[in-house]
C-alpha atoms as a PDB file:
ATOM      1  CA  MET A   1    -228.830  91.718  11.556  1.00  0.00           C
ATOM      2  CA  SER A   2    -229.052  90.050   8.141  1.00  0.00           C
ATOM      3  CA  GLU A   3    -230.181  93.369   6.666  1.00  0.00           C
ATOM      4  CA  MET A   4    -227.136  95.091   8.136  1.00  0.00           C
ATOM      5  CA  LEU A   5    -224.824  92.366   6.804  1.00  0.00           C
ATOM      6  CA  GLY A   6    -226.385  92.605   3.361  1.00  0.00           C
ATOM      7  CA  GLY A   7    -225.774  96.346   3.317  1.00  0.00           C
ATOM      8  CA  THR A   8    -222.136  95.891   4.297  1.00  0.00           C
ATOM      9  CA  LEU A   9    -221.557  93.273   1.583  1.00  0.00           C
ATOM     10  CA  ALA A  10    -223.144  95.536  -1.013  1.00  0.00           C
ATOM     11  CA  GLU A  11    -220.905  98.384   0.131  1.00  0.00           C
ATOM     12  CA  VAL A  12    -217.693  96.378  -0.293  1.00  0.00           C
ATOM     13  CA  ALA A  13    -218.660  94.782  -3.613  1.00  0.00           C
ATOM     14  CA  GLY A  14    -217.203  97.624  -5.664  1.00  0.00           C
ATOM     15  CA  PRO A  15    -213.862  97.842  -3.809  1.00  0.00           C
ATOM     16  CA  MET A  16    -213.508  94.036  -3.873  1.00  0.00           C
ATOM     17  CA  LYS A  17    -214.033  93.986  -7.643  1.00  0.00           C
ATOM     18  CA  ASP A  18    -211.378  96.672  -7.989  1.00  0.00           C
ATOM     19  CA  PHE A  19    -209.048  94.661  -5.734  1.00  0.00           C
ATOM     20  CA  TRP A  20    -209.443  91.479  -7.823  1.00  0.00           C
ATOM     21  CA  THR A  21    -208.688  93.516 -10.961  1.00  0.00           C
ATOM     22  CA  LYS A  22    -205.481  94.804  -9.368  1.00  0.00           C
ATOM     23  CA  LEU A  23    -204.476  91.282  -8.290  1.00  0.00           C
ATOM     24  CA  ALA A  24    -204.807  90.113 -11.885  1.00  0.00           C
ATOM     25  CA  GLY A  25    -202.720  92.996 -13.198  1.00  0.00           C
ATOM     26  CA  SER A  26    -198.974  93.361 -13.658  1.00  0.00           C
ATOM     27  CA  ASP A  27    -198.609  94.670 -10.068  1.00  0.00           C
ATOM     28  CA  GLY A  28    -200.648  91.801  -8.581  1.00  0.00           C
ATOM     29  CA  THR A  29    -197.837  90.597  -6.333  1.00  0.00           C
ATOM     30  CA  MET A  30    -197.389  94.080  -4.888  1.00  0.00           C
ATOM     31  CA  TRP A  31    -201.121  94.354  -4.098  1.00  0.00           C
ATOM     32  CA  LEU A  32    -201.227  90.892  -2.511  1.00  0.00           C
ATOM     33  CA  THR A  33    -198.224  91.696  -0.308  1.00  0.00           C
ATOM     34  CA  ALA A  34    -199.848  94.964   0.747  1.00  0.00           C
ATOM     35  CA  PHE A  35    -203.128  93.174   1.542  1.00  0.00           C
ATOM     36  CA  LYS A  36    -201.346  90.644   3.731  1.00  0.00           C
ATOM     37  CA  ARG A  37    -199.686  93.486   5.639  1.00  0.00           C
ATOM     38  CA  PHE A  38    -203.086  95.145   6.064  1.00  0.00           C
ATOM     39  CA  LEU A  39    -204.527  91.952   7.588  1.00  0.00           C
ATOM     40  CA  ARG A  40    -201.625  91.899  10.035  1.00  0.00           C
ATOM     41  CA  LYS A  41    -202.465  95.543  10.937  1.00  0.00           C
ATOM     42  CA  GLU A  42    -199.149  96.706   9.465  1.00  0.00           C
ATOM     43  CA  ASN A  43    -198.525  99.622   7.106  1.00  0.00           C
ATOM     44  CA  PRO A  44    -199.415  98.079   3.699  1.00  0.00           C
ATOM     45  CA  TRP A  45    -196.941 100.320   1.862  1.00  0.00           C
ATOM     46  CA  ALA A  46    -194.050 100.187   4.298  1.00  0.00           C
ATOM     47  CA  SER A  47    -191.625  99.049   1.599  1.00  0.00           C
ATOM     48  CA  SER A  48    -193.652  97.253  -1.062  1.00  0.00           C
ATOM     49  CA  LYS A  49    -194.446 100.411  -3.025  1.00  0.00           C
ATOM     50  CA  PHE A  50    -190.903 100.660  -4.360  1.00  0.00           C
ATOM     51  CA  ARG A  51    -189.476  98.192  -6.833  1.00  0.00           C
ATOM     52  CA  VAL A  52    -185.822  97.279  -6.352  1.00  0.00           C
ATOM     53  CA  ILE A  53    -183.971  98.328  -9.498  1.00  0.00           C
ATOM     54  CA  ARG A  54    -180.385  97.725  -8.409  1.00  0.00           C
ATOM     55  CA  THR A  55    -178.514  96.004  -5.621  1.00  0.00           C
ATOM     56  CA  VAL A  56    -175.031  97.198  -4.710  1.00  0.00           C
ATOM     57  CA  THR A  57    -172.567  95.767  -2.225  1.00  0.00           C
ATOM     58  CA  LEU A  58    -170.966  98.106   0.279  1.00  0.00           C
ATOM     59  CA  GLY A  59    -167.672  97.253   1.936  1.00  0.00           C
ATOM     60  CA  LEU A  60    -165.951  95.901  -1.170  1.00  0.00           C
ATOM     61  CA  HIS A  61    -163.462  98.748  -0.797  1.00  0.00           C
ATOM     62  CA  GLU A  62    -162.239  99.498   2.706  1.00  0.00           C
ATOM     63  CA  THR A  63    -161.236 103.150   2.357  1.00  0.00           C
ATOM     64  CA  PRO A  64    -162.189 106.236   0.328  1.00  0.00           C
ATOM     65  CA  GLU A  65    -158.760 106.049  -1.313  1.00  0.00           C
ATOM     66  CA  ALA A  66    -159.491 102.492  -2.456  1.00  0.00           C
ATOM     67  CA  TYR A  67    -162.765 103.665  -4.018  1.00  0.00           C
ATOM     68  CA  GLU A  68    -160.986 106.492  -5.806  1.00  0.00           C
ATOM     69  CA  LYS A  69    -158.388 104.097  -7.217  1.00  0.00           C
ATOM     70  CA  ALA A  70    -161.063 101.594  -8.295  1.00  0.00           C
ATOM     71  CA  LEU A  71    -163.102 104.295 -10.046  1.00  0.00           C
ATOM     72  CA  GLU A  72    -160.094 105.608 -11.922  1.00  0.00           C
ATOM     73  CA  SER A  73    -158.944 102.115 -12.902  1.00  0.00           C
ATOM     74  CA  ALA A  74    -162.401 101.380 -14.327  1.00  0.00           C
ATOM     75  CA  GLY A  75    -162.325 104.558 -16.432  1.00  0.00           C
ATOM     76  CA  PHE A  76    -164.892 106.578 -14.473  1.00  0.00           C
ATOM     77  CA  LYS A  77    -164.445 110.317 -14.104  1.00  0.00           C
ATOM     78  CA  ILE A  78    -164.476 112.004 -10.692  1.00  0.00           C
ATOM     79  CA  SER A  79    -165.074 115.720 -10.310  1.00  0.00           C
ATOM     80  CA  ASP A  80    -162.861 117.694  -7.930  1.00  0.00           C
ATOM     81  CA  TRP A  81    -165.837 118.230  -5.610  1.00  0.00           C
ATOM     82  CA  ALA A  82    -166.598 114.498  -5.617  1.00  0.00           C
ATOM     83  CA  ARG A  83    -162.980 113.713  -4.726  1.00  0.00           C
ATOM     84  CA  ASN A  84    -163.275 116.063  -1.781  1.00  0.00           C
ATOM     85  CA  LEU A  85    -166.551 114.491  -0.675  1.00  0.00           C
ATOM     86  CA  LEU A  86    -165.229 110.969  -1.207  1.00  0.00           C
ATOM     87  CA  LYS A  87    -162.488 111.580   1.358  1.00  0.00           C
ATOM     88  CA  LYS A  88    -165.164 112.175   4.016  1.00  0.00           C
ATOM     89  CA  ILE A  89    -167.312 109.057   3.602  1.00  0.00           C
ATOM     90  CA  THR A  90    -167.339 106.144   6.029  1.00  0.00           C
ATOM     91  CA  CYS A  91    -166.907 102.733   4.406  1.00  0.00           C
ATOM     92  CA  SER A  92    -168.707  99.667   5.699  1.00  0.00           C
ATOM     93  CA  LYS A  93    -166.478  97.356   7.725  1.00  0.00           C
ATOM     94  CA  LYS A  94    -168.115  94.299   6.176  1.00  0.00           C
ATOM     95  CA  GLU A  95    -169.782  93.469   2.871  1.00  0.00           C
ATOM     96  CA  VAL A  96    -173.442  94.472   2.948  1.00  0.00           C
ATOM     97  CA  GLU A  97    -175.947  94.322   0.099  1.00  0.00           C
ATOM     98  CA  VAL A  98    -178.193  97.362  -0.275  1.00  0.00           C
ATOM     99  CA  ASN A  99    -181.329  97.394  -2.430  1.00  0.00           C
ATOM    100  CA  LEU A 100    -181.895 100.635  -4.310  1.00  0.00           C
ATOM    101  CA  THR A 101    -184.730 102.237  -6.222  1.00  0.00           C
ATOM    102  CA  SER A 102    -185.271 105.604  -7.869  1.00  0.00           C
ATOM    103  CA  ALA A 103    -188.244 107.926  -8.121  1.00  0.00           C
ATOM    104  CA  THR A 104    -189.039 111.391  -9.338  1.00  0.00           C
ATOM    105  CA  ILE A 105    -190.414 113.929  -6.892  1.00  0.00           C
ATOM    106  CA  ALA A 106    -193.820 113.614  -8.568  1.00  0.00           C
ATOM    107  CA  GLU A 107    -193.745 109.833  -8.044  1.00  0.00           C
ATOM    108  CA  LEU A 108    -193.102 110.478  -4.372  1.00  0.00           C
ATOM    109  CA  GLY A 109    -196.394 112.362  -4.155  1.00  0.00           C
ATOM    110  CA  LEU A 110    -195.156 115.915  -4.768  1.00  0.00           C
ATOM    111  CA  PRO A 111    -196.519 116.772  -8.254  1.00  0.00           C
ATOM    112  CA  ASN A 112    -195.494 120.416  -7.960  1.00  0.00           C
ATOM    113  CA  GLY A 113    -191.957 119.663  -6.835  1.00  0.00           C
ATOM    114  CA  GLY A 114    -190.632 120.086  -3.322  1.00  0.00           C
ATOM    115  CA  THR A 115    -187.721 120.969  -1.080  1.00  0.00           C
ATOM    116  CA  THR A 116    -185.016 118.502  -0.109  1.00  0.00           C
ATOM    117  CA  LYS A 117    -186.582 118.279   3.358  1.00  0.00           C
ATOM    118  CA  GLU A 118    -190.024 117.518   1.862  1.00  0.00           C
ATOM    119  CA  VAL A 119    -188.580 114.927  -0.530  1.00  0.00           C
ATOM    120  CA  TYR A 120    -186.668 113.122   2.215  1.00  0.00           C
ATOM    121  CA  SER A 121    -189.752 113.172   4.453  1.00  0.00           C
ATOM    122  CA  ALA A 122    -191.805 111.642   1.610  1.00  0.00           C
ATOM    123  CA  ILE A 123    -189.217 108.891   1.104  1.00  0.00           C
ATOM    124  CA  LEU A 124    -189.201 108.010   4.808  1.00  0.00           C
ATOM    125  CA  ALA A 125    -192.986 108.222   5.158  1.00  0.00           C
ATOM    126  CA  GLN A 126    -193.428 105.715   2.337  1.00  0.00           C
ATOM    127  CA  GLY A 127    -191.018 103.154   3.731  1.00  0.00           C
ATOM    128  CA  GLY A 128    -187.799 104.151   1.977  1.00  0.00           C
ATOM    129  CA  GLN A 129    -184.514 105.042   3.630  1.00  0.00           C
ATOM    130  CA  LEU A 130    -181.744 107.518   2.893  1.00  0.00           C
ATOM    131  CA  CYS A 131    -178.563 106.050   1.425  1.00  0.00           C
ATOM    132  CA  PRO A 132    -175.284 105.671   3.278  1.00  0.00           C
ATOM    133  CA  ALA A 133    -172.822 108.033   1.573  1.00  0.00           C
ATOM    134  CA  GLU A 134    -170.853 104.998   0.352  1.00  0.00           C
ATOM    135  CA  VAL A 135    -173.704 104.236  -2.064  1.00  0.00           C
ATOM    136  CA  GLY A 136    -172.455 107.096  -4.267  1.00  0.00           C
ATOM    137  CA  PRO A 137    -169.111 105.572  -5.326  1.00  0.00           C
ATOM    138  CA  ALA A 138    -170.408 101.988  -4.996  1.00  0.00           C
ATOM    139  CA  LEU A 139    -173.292 102.641  -7.388  1.00  0.00           C
ATOM    140  CA  ARG A 140    -171.028 104.520  -9.801  1.00  0.00           C
ATOM    141  CA  LEU A 141    -168.741 101.486 -10.007  1.00  0.00           C
ATOM    142  CA  PHE A 142    -171.700  99.156 -10.555  1.00  0.00           C
ATOM    143  CA  TYR A 143    -173.653 101.243 -13.070  1.00  0.00           C
ATOM    144  CA  LYS A 144    -171.461 100.911 -16.148  1.00  0.00           C
ATOM    145  CA  ASP A 145    -174.288 100.920 -18.701  1.00  0.00           C
ATOM    146  CA  GLN A 146    -175.875 104.235 -17.703  1.00  0.00           C
ATOM    147  CA  THR A 147    -177.767 105.853 -20.562  1.00  0.00           C
ATOM    148  CA  LYS A 148    -176.112 108.956 -22.004  1.00  0.00           C
ATOM    149  CA  GLY A 149    -177.831 112.080 -20.742  1.00  0.00           C
ATOM    150  CA  GLU A 150    -179.145 110.393 -17.584  1.00  0.00           C
ATOM    151  CA  TRP A 151    -178.296 111.742 -14.150  1.00  0.00           C
ATOM    152  CA  PHE A 152    -179.764 111.404 -10.700  1.00  0.00           C
ATOM    153  CA  GLN A 153    -179.086 112.460  -7.147  1.00  0.00           C
ATOM    154  CA  ILE A 154    -178.301 110.207  -4.193  1.00  0.00           C
ATOM    155  CA  ALA A 155    -180.745 110.768  -1.315  1.00  0.00           C
ATOM    156  CA  MET A 156    -178.296 110.935   1.597  1.00  0.00           C
ATOM    157  CA  GLU A 157    -177.306 113.071   4.536  1.00  0.00           C
ATOM    158  CA  ALA A 158    -175.398 115.968   2.984  1.00  0.00           C
ATOM    159  CA  ILE A 159    -171.667 116.289   3.691  1.00  0.00           C
ATOM    160  CA  SER A 160    -169.870 119.603   4.149  1.00  0.00           C
ATOM    161  CA  ASP A 161    -167.291 120.271   1.435  1.00  0.00           C
ATOM    162  CA  SER A 162    -164.068 122.303   1.651  1.00  0.00           C
ATOM    163  CA  ARG A 163    -166.050 125.559   1.365  1.00  0.00           C
ATOM    164  CA  GLY A 164    -168.459 124.549   4.112  1.00  0.00           C
ATOM    165  CA  ALA A 165    -171.279 123.977   1.595  1.00  0.00           C
ATOM    166  CA  LEU A 166    -173.504 120.903   1.953  1.00  0.00           C
ATOM    167  CA  ASN A 167    -173.216 118.439  -0.939  1.00  0.00           C
ATOM    168  CA  VAL A 168    -174.449 115.003  -1.972  1.00  0.00           C
ATOM    169  CA  PHE A 169    -173.258 112.625  -4.677  1.00  0.00           C
ATOM    170  CA  ASP A 170    -174.847 112.467  -8.097  1.00  0.00           C
ATOM    171  CA  ILE A 171    -174.316 109.925 -10.862  1.00  0.00           C
ATOM    172  CA  ASP A 172    -174.343 111.116 -14.453  1.00  0.00           C
ATOM    173  CA  HIS A 173    -173.383 110.268 -18.013  1.00  0.00           C
ATOM    174  CA  ASP A 174    -172.657 113.313 -20.149  1.00  0.00           C
ATOM    175  CA  LYS A 175    -170.745 113.906 -23.372  1.00  0.00           C
ATOM    176  CA  ASP A 176    -167.444 113.521 -21.489  1.00  0.00           C
ATOM    177  CA  GLY A 177    -168.240 110.123 -20.015  1.00  0.00           C
ATOM    178  CA  LEU A 178    -169.478 108.479 -16.825  1.00  0.00           C
ATOM    179  CA  TRP A 179    -169.091 110.681 -13.774  1.00  0.00           C
ATOM    180  CA  LEU A 180    -169.191 110.588 -10.009  1.00  0.00           C
ATOM    181  CA  ASP A 181    -170.103 114.174  -9.227  1.00  0.00           C
ATOM    182  CA  THR A 182    -171.727 116.226  -6.486  1.00  0.00           C
ATOM    183  CA  PHE A 183    -174.671 118.554  -6.116  1.00  0.00           C
ATOM    184  CA  GLU A 184    -175.144 121.264  -3.518  1.00  0.00           C
ATOM    185  CA  ASP A 185    -178.127 120.288  -1.407  1.00  0.00           C
ATOM    186  CA  LEU A 186    -179.614 122.403   1.384  1.00  0.00           C
ATOM    187  CA  PRO A 187    -182.782 121.327   3.250  1.00  0.00           C
ATOM    188  CA  GLY A 188    -184.703 124.280   1.781  1.00  0.00           C
ATOM    189  CA  ASP A 189    -183.506 123.840  -1.814  1.00  0.00           C
ATOM    190  CA  ARG A 190    -186.449 123.304  -4.136  1.00  0.00           C
ATOM    191  CA  TRP A 191    -186.504 120.750  -6.960  1.00  0.00           C
ATOM    192  CA  GLY A 192    -188.784 120.300  -9.966  1.00  0.00           C
ATOM    193  CA  PHE A 193    -191.352 117.498 -10.166  1.00  0.00           C
ATOM    194  CA  ASP A 194    -189.169 115.465 -12.570  1.00  0.00           C
ATOM    195  CA  HIS A 195    -185.983 115.594 -10.463  1.00  0.00           C
ATOM    196  CA  ARG A 196    -184.917 112.026  -9.672  1.00  0.00           C
ATOM    197  CA  PHE A 197    -183.496 110.604  -6.436  1.00  0.00           C
ATOM    198  CA  VAL A 198    -182.022 107.191  -5.629  1.00  0.00           C
ATOM    199  CA  PHE A 199    -182.749 105.770  -2.175  1.00  0.00           C
ATOM    200  CA  VAL A 200    -182.757 102.511  -0.201  1.00  0.00           C
ATOM    201  CA  VAL A 201    -185.562  99.941  -0.184  1.00  0.00           C
ATOM    202  CA  PRO A 202    -185.365  98.191   3.218  1.00  0.00           C
ATOM    203  CA  LYS A 203    -185.135  94.412   3.145  1.00  0.00           C
END
């Protein structure tokens, strides 16, 4: 019995040393939270893998028209396709805070890129959630200091536009200013490894 126990302790010595190193590192809190979940027989990475980078409040504007007016008043640009999509969103009936993060497809575990369906599956499998469509205009209003040249796609259920094509919101800052725009997004569309999505981190 003691011989068996000694063998087990020797076997875990290496992983334990690695674990203590991780606890002492910059991501120590993340590793400790994951370990506590493991001890409770929960998924250690259910939501702790993703760092919250922004929190937006939904429901501050009650209708799509109110969002459109607020965006224009704040000096944001709205593409024609985004205006069309904006008319079809459902606004929250009450104020709700939503925690958001962003990740490239490679960071989601798809180093060679992937389809929209694969990307969304990876987000859900790792504890993330797709965004309500309202996140598009809400995040655009909030993100006033977006770096020029940056753009990213909102991970959301696609909405059919006036042509019948499926689109999602994207947020970008180009030479013409800060935009709320759209991107055609079919389940089988394939994206490069560095394509970036924004999605929800559950509370």
